[in-house]
C-alpha atoms as a PDB file:
ATOM      1  CA  MET A   1      30.554  -1.961 -10.033  1.00  0.00           C
ATOM      2  CA  CYS A   2      28.638  -5.021 -11.782  1.00  0.00           C
ATOM      3  CA  THR A   3      26.378  -5.458  -8.780  1.00  0.00           C
ATOM      4  CA  GLU A   4      25.644  -1.697  -8.485  1.00  0.00           C
ATOM      5  CA  THR A   5      24.910  -1.709 -12.100  1.00  0.00           C
ATOM      6  CA  GLN A   6      22.563  -4.486 -11.777  1.00  0.00           C
ATOM      7  CA  THR A   7      21.085  -3.097  -8.604  1.00  0.00           C
ATOM      8  CA  ARG A   8      19.877   0.138 -10.727  1.00  0.00           C
ATOM      9  CA  ALA A   9      18.511  -1.942 -13.506  1.00  0.00           C
ATOM     10  CA  ASP A  10      16.381  -3.934 -11.147  1.00  0.00           C
ATOM     11  CA  PHE A  11      15.163  -0.929  -9.680  1.00  0.00           C
ATOM     12  CA  ILE A  12      14.078   0.844 -13.208  1.00  0.00           C
ATOM     13  CA  THR A  13      12.482  -2.738 -13.897  1.00  0.00           C
ATOM     14  CA  GLU A  14      10.451  -2.282 -10.557  1.00  0.00           C
ATOM     15  CA  ILE A  15       9.554   1.351 -11.397  1.00  0.00           C
ATOM     16  CA  MET A  16       8.130   0.229 -14.554  1.00  0.00           C
ATOM     17  CA  MET A  17       6.079  -2.667 -13.297  1.00  0.00           C
ATOM     18  CA  GLY A  18       4.649  -0.427 -10.570  1.00  0.00           C
ATOM     19  CA  LYS A  19       3.558   2.050 -13.376  1.00  0.00           C
ATOM     20  CA  LYS A  20       1.731  -0.761 -15.344  1.00  0.00           C
ATOM     21  CA  TRP A  21       0.146  -2.282 -11.865  1.00  0.00           C
ATOM     22  CA  MET A  22      -1.151   1.454 -11.094  1.00  0.00           C
ATOM     23  CA  GLN A  23      -2.300   1.961 -14.578  1.00  0.00           C
ATOM     24  CA  ALA A  24      -4.163  -1.523 -14.523  1.00  0.00           C
ATOM     25  CA  VAL A  25      -6.027  -0.206 -11.259  1.00  0.00           C
ATOM     26  CA  ALA A  26      -7.174   2.915 -12.793  1.00  0.00           C
ATOM     27  CA  ALA A  27      -8.321   0.922 -15.739  1.00  0.00           C
ATOM     28  CA  LEU A  28     -10.407  -1.304 -13.212  1.00  0.00           C
ATOM     29  CA  ILE A  29     -11.530   1.825 -11.383  1.00  0.00           C
ATOM     30  CA  ALA A  30     -12.752   3.530 -14.685  1.00  0.00           C
ATOM     31  CA  ILE A  31     -14.583   0.202 -15.934  1.00  0.00           C
ATOM     32  CA  ALA A  32     -16.346   0.154 -12.492  1.00  0.00           C
ATOM     33  CA  VAL A  33     -17.394   3.887 -12.854  1.00  0.00           C
ATOM     34  CA  TRP A  34     -18.326   3.651 -16.706  1.00  0.00           C
ATOM     35  CA  SER A  35     -20.495   0.224 -16.001  1.00  0.00           C
ATOM     36  CA  SER A  36     -22.356   2.159 -13.079  1.00  0.00           C
ATOM     37  CA  ALA A  37     -23.058   5.292 -15.170  1.00  0.00           C
ATOM     38  CA  ALA A  38     -24.594   2.879 -17.853  1.00  0.00           C
ATOM     39  CA  ALA A  39     -26.512   1.270 -15.585  1.00  0.00           C
ATOM     40  CA  LEU A  40     -28.059   4.341 -14.196  1.00  0.00           C
ATOM     41  CA  ALA A  41     -28.618   5.716 -17.604  1.00  0.00           C
ATOM     42  CA  GLN A  42     -30.695   2.746 -18.657  1.00  0.00           C
ATOM     43  CA  GLY A  43     -32.885   3.426 -15.504  1.00  0.00           C
ATOM     44  CA  THR A  44     -33.415   7.203 -16.071  1.00  0.00           C
ATOM     45  CA  ALA A  45     -36.921   6.373 -17.818  1.00  0.00           C
ATOM     46  CA  ALA A  46     -38.046   5.183 -14.420  1.00  0.00           C
ATOM     47  CA  PRO A  47     -36.303   6.997 -11.879  1.00  0.00           C
ATOM     48  CA  LYS A  48     -36.750   5.799  -8.197  1.00  0.00           C
ATOM     49  CA  LYS A  49     -36.481   7.193  -4.995  1.00  0.00           C
ATOM     50  CA  PRO A  50     -32.690   6.674  -3.320  1.00  0.00           C
ATOM     51  CA  ALA A  51     -32.834   3.908  -0.892  1.00  0.00           C
ATOM     52  CA  ALA A  52     -31.457   4.993   2.589  1.00  0.00           C
ATOM     53  CA  VAL A  53     -27.662   4.168   3.309  1.00  0.00           C
ATOM     54  CA  GLN A  54     -27.914   0.729   5.013  1.00  0.00           C
ATOM     55  CA  SER A  55     -25.406  -0.232   7.815  1.00  0.00           C
ATOM     56  CA  GLN A  56     -23.138  -3.028   6.189  1.00  0.00           C
ATOM     57  CA  THR A  57     -19.846  -5.050   6.936  1.00  0.00           C
ATOM     58  CA  ASP A  58     -17.671  -6.771   4.383  1.00  0.00           C
ATOM     59  CA  VAL A  59     -14.320  -8.532   4.411  1.00  0.00           C
ATOM     60  CA  ALA A  60     -11.686  -8.174   1.453  1.00  0.00           C
ATOM     61  CA  ALA A  61      -8.832  -9.681   0.009  1.00  0.00           C
ATOM     62  CA  SER A  62      -6.496  -7.898  -2.565  1.00  0.00           C
ATOM     63  CA  PHE A  63      -3.193  -8.057  -3.899  1.00  0.00           C
ATOM     64  CA  TYR A  64      -0.828  -5.147  -4.699  1.00  0.00           C
ATOM     65  CA  GLN A  65       2.344  -4.206  -6.289  1.00  0.00           C
ATOM     66  CA  ALA A  66       4.361  -2.154  -3.356  1.00  0.00           C
ATOM     67  CA  MET A  67       6.290   0.967  -4.576  1.00  0.00           C
ATOM     68  CA  ASP A  68       8.887   2.077  -1.729  1.00  0.00           C
ATOM     69  CA  THR A  69      10.899   5.265  -1.848  1.00  0.00           C
ATOM     70  CA  SER A  70      14.337   5.144  -0.693  1.00  0.00           C
ATOM     71  CA  THR A  71      15.925   7.349   1.889  1.00  0.00           C
ATOM     72  CA  THR A  72      19.115   9.277   2.806  1.00  0.00           C
ATOM     73  CA  GLY A  73      20.289  10.592   5.926  1.00  0.00           C
ATOM     74  CA  LYS A  74      23.143  10.023   8.764  1.00  0.00           C
ATOM     75  CA  GLY A  75      25.414   8.820   6.224  1.00  0.00           C
ATOM     76  CA  THR A  76      23.556   6.179   4.937  1.00  0.00           C
ATOM     77  CA  VAL A  77      21.409   5.552   1.688  1.00  0.00           C
ATOM     78  CA  GLN A  78      18.840   3.182   2.507  1.00  0.00           C
ATOM     79  CA  LYS A  79      16.724   1.462  -0.754  1.00  0.00           C
ATOM     80  CA  PRO A  80      14.017  -0.704  -0.220  1.00  0.00           C
ATOM     81  CA  LYS A  81      13.263  -3.311  -2.971  1.00  0.00           C
ATOM     82  CA  ASN A  82       9.675  -3.284  -4.443  1.00  0.00           C
ATOM     83  CA  ALA A  83       7.676  -6.620  -4.565  1.00  0.00           C
ATOM     84  CA  MET A  84       4.420  -8.215  -4.527  1.00  0.00           C
ATOM     85  CA  GLY A  85       2.214  -8.549  -1.332  1.00  0.00           C
ATOM     86  CA  GLY A  86      -1.355  -8.910  -0.229  1.00  0.00           C
ATOM     87  CA  MET A  87      -3.863  -7.085   2.152  1.00  0.00           C
ATOM     88  CA  PHE A  88      -6.706  -8.415   4.313  1.00  0.00           C
ATOM     89  CA  GLU A  89      -9.468  -5.734   5.200  1.00  0.00           C
ATOM     90  CA  LEU A  90     -12.344  -5.921   7.621  1.00  0.00           C
ATOM     91  CA  ARG A  91     -14.588  -2.653   6.943  1.00  0.00           C
ATOM     92  CA  HIS A  92     -17.992  -1.414   8.559  1.00  0.00           C
ATOM     93  CA  ILE A  93     -19.909   1.083   6.765  1.00  0.00           C
ATOM     94  CA  HIS A  94     -22.716   2.968   8.903  1.00  0.00           C
ATOM     95  CA  SER A  95     -23.296   5.719   6.469  1.00  0.00           C
ATOM     96  CA  ASN A  96     -21.525   8.219   3.833  1.00  0.00           C
ATOM     97  CA  PHE A  97     -19.546   9.853   6.301  1.00  0.00           C
ATOM     98  CA  ILE A  98     -19.262   7.371   8.902  1.00  0.00           C
ATOM     99  CA  GLY A  99     -17.373   3.907   8.446  1.00  0.00           C
ATOM    100  CA  TYR A 100     -14.331   2.381   9.851  1.00  0.00           C
ATOM    101  CA  GLU A 101     -11.894  -0.486   9.118  1.00  0.00           C
ATOM    102  CA  PHE A 102      -8.829  -2.753  10.061  1.00  0.00           C
ATOM    103  CA  THR A 103      -6.301  -3.883   7.492  1.00  0.00           C
ATOM    104  CA  TYR A 104      -3.235  -5.933   7.717  1.00  0.00           C
ATOM    105  CA  SER A 105      -0.743  -6.246   4.872  1.00  0.00           C
ATOM    106  CA  PHE A 106       2.550  -8.077   3.948  1.00  0.00           C
ATOM    107  CA  ASN A 107       5.165  -7.992   1.198  1.00  0.00           C
ATOM    108  CA  PRO A 108       8.537  -8.614   1.215  1.00  0.00           C
ATOM    109  CA  TYR A 109      10.789  -5.777   2.258  1.00  0.00           C
ATOM    110  CA  ASP A 110      14.567  -6.113   1.416  1.00  0.00           C
ATOM    111  CA  GLN A 111      16.887  -3.165   2.246  1.00  0.00           C
ATOM    112  CA  TYR A 112      20.147  -2.197   0.420  1.00  0.00           C
ATOM    113  CA  TYR A 113      22.358  -0.190   2.220  1.00  0.00           C
ATOM    114  CA  THR A 114      25.305   1.908   0.901  1.00  0.00           C
ATOM    115  CA  PRO A 115      27.244   4.712   2.566  1.00  0.00           C
ATOM    116  CA  ASP A 116      26.238   8.517   1.356  1.00  0.00           C
ATOM    117  CA  PRO A 117      29.413  10.033   0.009  1.00  0.00           C
ATOM    118  CA  GLY A 118      30.260  13.401   1.788  1.00  0.00           C
ATOM    119  CA  SER A 119      28.412  12.360   5.327  1.00  0.00           C
ATOM    120  CA  CYS A 120      29.259   8.665   5.820  1.00  0.00           C
ATOM    121  CA  GLY A 121      32.070   9.427   8.063  1.00  0.00           C
ATOM    122  CA  TYR A 122      33.779   6.185   9.414  1.00  0.00           C
ATOM    123  CA  ARG A 123      31.369   4.008   7.448  1.00  0.00           C
ATOM    124  CA  CYS A 124      32.387   5.270   3.950  1.00  0.00           C
ATOM    125  CA  ASN A 125      34.708   2.304   3.716  1.00  0.00           C
ATOM    126  CA  ASN A 126      31.498  -0.130   4.648  1.00  0.00           C
ATOM    127  CA  ALA A 127      30.644  -2.440   1.436  1.00  0.00           C
ATOM    128  CA  PRO A 128      27.155  -2.298   0.104  1.00  0.00           C
ATOM    129  CA  LEU A 129      24.625  -4.602   2.135  1.00  0.00           C
ATOM    130  CA  THR A 130      21.385  -5.922   1.171  1.00  0.00           C
ATOM    131  CA  MET A 131      19.188  -7.515   4.018  1.00  0.00           C
ATOM    132  CA  THR A 132      16.307  -9.606   3.117  1.00  0.00           C
ATOM    133  CA  ALA A 133      13.083  -8.713   5.378  1.00  0.00           C
ATOM    134  CA  GLY A 134       9.048  -8.646   5.310  1.00  0.00           C
ATOM    135  CA  LEU A 135       7.012  -5.678   5.858  1.00  0.00           C
ATOM    136  CA  ASN A 136       3.737  -6.229   7.916  1.00  0.00           C
ATOM    137  CA  LEU A 137       1.344  -3.004   7.596  1.00  0.00           C
ATOM    138  CA  PHE A 138      -1.771  -2.905  10.249  1.00  0.00           C
ATOM    139  CA  GLY A 139      -4.120   0.157   9.944  1.00  0.00           C
ATOM    140  CA  PHE A 140      -6.793   1.386  11.427  1.00  0.00           C
ATOM    141  CA  ASP A 141      -8.928   3.996   9.202  1.00  0.00           C
ATOM    142  CA  TRP A 142     -11.618   6.020   8.858  1.00  0.00           C
ATOM    143  CA  VAL A 143     -13.809   5.438   5.830  1.00  0.00           C
ATOM    144  CA  PHE A 144     -15.740   7.928   3.756  1.00  0.00           C
ATOM    145  CA  SER A 145     -18.258   6.782   1.157  1.00  0.00           C
ATOM    146  CA  LYS A 146     -21.130   7.265  -1.412  1.00  0.00           C
ATOM    147  CA  GLN A 147     -23.233   4.935  -3.181  1.00  0.00           C
ATOM    148  CA  TYR A 148     -24.138   5.086  -6.836  1.00  0.00           C
ATOM    149  CA  GLY A 149     -25.950   2.113  -7.827  1.00  0.00           C
ATOM    150  CA  ALA A 150     -23.555  -0.675  -7.995  1.00  0.00           C
ATOM    151  CA  VAL A 151     -20.555   1.477  -7.358  1.00  0.00           C
ATOM    152  CA  ARG A 152     -19.351   3.013  -3.992  1.00  0.00           C
ATOM    153  CA  PRO A 153     -16.274   5.164  -4.250  1.00  0.00           C
ATOM    154  CA  PHE A 154     -14.559   5.589  -0.973  1.00  0.00           C
ATOM    155  CA  ALA A 155     -11.461   7.483   0.786  1.00  0.00           C
ATOM    156  CA  VAL A 156      -9.621   6.186   3.866  1.00  0.00           C
ATOM    157  CA  ALA A 157      -7.460   8.067   6.438  1.00  0.00           C
ATOM    158  CA  GLY A 158      -6.119   6.338   9.458  1.00  0.00           C
ATOM    159  CA  LEU A 159      -3.228   5.460  11.782  1.00  0.00           C
ATOM    160  CA  GLY A 160      -1.497   2.175  12.018  1.00  0.00           C
ATOM    161  CA  PHE A 161       2.233   0.556  12.216  1.00  0.00           C
ATOM    162  CA  ALA A 162       4.781  -0.705   9.985  1.00  0.00           C
ATOM    163  CA  ALA A 163       6.576  -3.659  11.781  1.00  0.00           C
ATOM    164  CA  THR A 164       9.603  -4.932   9.663  1.00  0.00           C
ATOM    165  CA  VAL A 165      10.961  -8.036  10.630  1.00  0.00           C
ATOM    166  CA  PRO A 166      14.801  -8.972   8.979  1.00  0.00           C
ATOM    167  CA  ASN A 167      15.507 -12.831   8.339  1.00  0.00           C
ATOM    168  CA  SER A 168      17.954 -14.076  10.801  1.00  0.00           C
ATOM    169  CA  THR A 169      21.798 -12.928   9.953  1.00  0.00           C
ATOM    170  CA  ALA A 170      24.739 -11.456  11.429  1.00  0.00           C
ATOM    171  CA  TYR A 171      24.088  -8.177   9.837  1.00  0.00           C
ATOM    172  CA  ALA A 172      20.719  -7.784  11.280  1.00  0.00           C
ATOM    173  CA  SER A 173      19.434  -6.090  14.537  1.00  0.00           C
ATOM    174  CA  ASN A 174      16.109  -6.189  16.239  1.00  0.00           C
ATOM    175  CA  ASN A 175      12.872  -6.110  14.479  1.00  0.00           C
ATOM    176  CA  SER A 176      11.542  -2.166  13.523  1.00  0.00           C
ATOM    177  CA  VAL A 177       8.090  -0.993  14.419  1.00  0.00           C
ATOM    178  CA  ARG A 178       7.113   2.393  13.516  1.00  0.00           C
ATOM    179  CA  PRO A 179       3.995   4.272  13.709  1.00  0.00           C
ATOM    180  CA  ALA A 180       2.366   4.931  10.240  1.00  0.00           C
ATOM    181  CA  TYR A 181       0.217   7.405   8.648  1.00  0.00           C
ATOM    182  CA  ILE A 182      -2.417   5.986   6.035  1.00  0.00           C
ATOM    183  CA  ALA A 183      -4.428   7.715   3.438  1.00  0.00           C
ATOM    184  CA  GLY A 184      -6.006   6.437   0.032  1.00  0.00           C
ATOM    185  CA  GLY A 185      -8.894   6.000  -1.864  1.00  0.00           C
ATOM    186  CA  GLY A 186     -10.611   3.606  -4.392  1.00  0.00           C
ATOM    187  CA  VAL A 187     -13.899   2.065  -5.609  1.00  0.00           C
ATOM    188  CA  ASP A 188     -16.032  -0.992  -4.800  1.00  0.00           C
ATOM    189  CA  PHE A 189     -18.166  -2.506  -7.581  1.00  0.00           C
ATOM    190  CA  ALA A 190     -20.997  -4.788  -6.416  1.00  0.00           C
ATOM    191  CA  ILE A 191     -21.412  -7.872  -8.630  1.00  0.00           C
ATOM    192  CA  SER A 192     -24.258  -9.282  -6.578  1.00  0.00           C
ATOM    193  CA  ASP A 193     -25.744  -8.830  -3.167  1.00  0.00           C
ATOM    194  CA  HIS A 194     -22.499 -10.171  -1.575  1.00  0.00           C
ATOM    195  CA  PHE A 195     -20.121 -10.219  -3.881  1.00  0.00           C
ATOM    196  CA  GLY A 196     -17.882  -7.568  -5.703  1.00  0.00           C
ATOM    197  CA  VAL A 197     -14.458  -5.991  -6.776  1.00  0.00           C
ATOM    198  CA  ARG A 198     -12.161  -3.857  -5.100  1.00  0.00           C
ATOM    199  CA  ALA A 199      -9.878  -1.366  -6.607  1.00  0.00           C
ATOM    200  CA  GLN A 200      -8.063   1.139  -4.671  1.00  0.00           C
ATOM    201  CA  VAL A 201      -4.509   2.747  -3.933  1.00  0.00           C
ATOM    202  CA  ARG A 202      -3.133   3.378  -0.577  1.00  0.00           C
ATOM    203  CA  ASP A 203      -0.055   5.553   0.577  1.00  0.00           C
ATOM    204  CA  ASN A 204       1.662   4.313   3.950  1.00  0.00           C
ATOM    205  CA  LEU A 205       4.244   6.836   5.503  1.00  0.00           C
ATOM    206  CA  PHE A 206       6.726   6.172   8.448  1.00  0.00           C
ATOM    207  CA  LYS A 207      10.386   6.310   9.211  1.00  0.00           C
ATOM    208  CA  ALA A 208      12.494   3.858   7.448  1.00  0.00           C
ATOM    209  CA  PRO A 209      13.342   0.998   9.381  1.00  0.00           C
ATOM    210  CA  ALA A 210      16.288   0.447  11.282  1.00  0.00           C
ATOM    211  CA  LEU A 211      17.708  -2.962  10.641  1.00  0.00           C
ATOM    212  CA  SER A 212      21.664  -3.192  10.004  1.00  0.00           C
ATOM    213  CA  LEU A 213      24.060  -3.046  12.565  1.00  0.00           C
ATOM    214  CA  TYR A 214      26.824  -2.060  10.124  1.00  0.00           C
ATOM    215  CA  TYR A 215      24.686   1.276   8.804  1.00  0.00           C
ATOM    216  CA  SER A 216      22.911   4.001  10.860  1.00  0.00           C
ATOM    217  CA  PRO A 217      19.210   4.486  10.289  1.00  0.00           C
ATOM    218  CA  THR A 218      18.566   7.436   7.953  1.00  0.00           C
ATOM    219  CA  GLY A 219      16.083   8.853  10.478  1.00  0.00           C
ATOM    220  CA  ALA A 220      13.916   9.958   7.486  1.00  0.00           C
ATOM    221  CA  TYR A 221      10.329   8.917   6.270  1.00  0.00           C
ATOM    222  CA  THR A 222       9.686   6.530   3.503  1.00  0.00           C
ATOM    223  CA  GLN A 223       6.575   5.696   1.501  1.00  0.00           C
ATOM    224  CA  VAL A 224       5.097   2.644   0.671  1.00  0.00           C
ATOM    225  CA  VAL A 225       2.364   3.266  -1.996  1.00  0.00           C
ATOM    226  CA  GLN A 226      -0.111  -0.060  -2.538  1.00  0.00           C
ATOM    227  CA  PRO A 227      -2.007   0.375  -5.850  1.00  0.00           C
ATOM    228  CA  MET A 228      -4.108  -2.797  -5.459  1.00  0.00           C
ATOM    229  CA  GLY A 229      -7.194  -4.995  -6.953  1.00  0.00           C
ATOM    230  CA  GLY A 230      -8.966  -7.640  -5.160  1.00  0.00           C
ATOM    231  CA  VAL A 231     -12.654  -8.743  -4.280  1.00  0.00           C
ATOM    232  CA  PHE A 232     -14.909  -8.754  -1.185  1.00  0.00           C
ATOM    233  CA  TYR A 233     -17.645 -10.389   0.467  1.00  0.00           C
ATOM    234  CA  ARG A 234     -20.395  -8.304   1.988  1.00  0.00           C
ATOM    235  CA  PHE A 235     -22.459  -9.730   4.766  1.00  0.00           C
END
């Protein structure tokens, strides 16, 4: 009982931390947009013809707070533990509607298993189980973007795969690899010709990993939402 109560308390704390992280990212996006609007207002006295969109390539590194959803199915309740993580991006922009990128992110992805009362069958007597694991997310995305002065808002959509690797334990099975659907958006704010700040939110959808030998996989889709902020270098 104490363990379950502590787990619920930790889960609520993680949700609150995730909300604060999303608010921080939203504030960063708002500041970038406001700064760009102010810069454009100062230049309205002598308007210039907008320059044509130039092909550009950048690399970026960001930190995020993963916000995971639990799943239920086949007699199992599976709850991932929210955790901090990091992401690397390699992006190429050809035009407003043509851009693409490769992303890789990693965060701890511990799983908490319990029987689902009423549908757990012979597993109803299984004790709650916590398994430590890591989540590797690989993404291949299409990028839509538009330049407004120093600000470039963007949206991404793509496919990838989620590879969950459990730590070595008697309760673990093989690694779990799932196809993933990716969507998100954010904004770039250029500080100079080469350096800038990037704020974004990404949503990754894939089937919950099958890691435990003692619990059936739920077979349901889970989400990993990643509000994040970081920096980029443009070549």
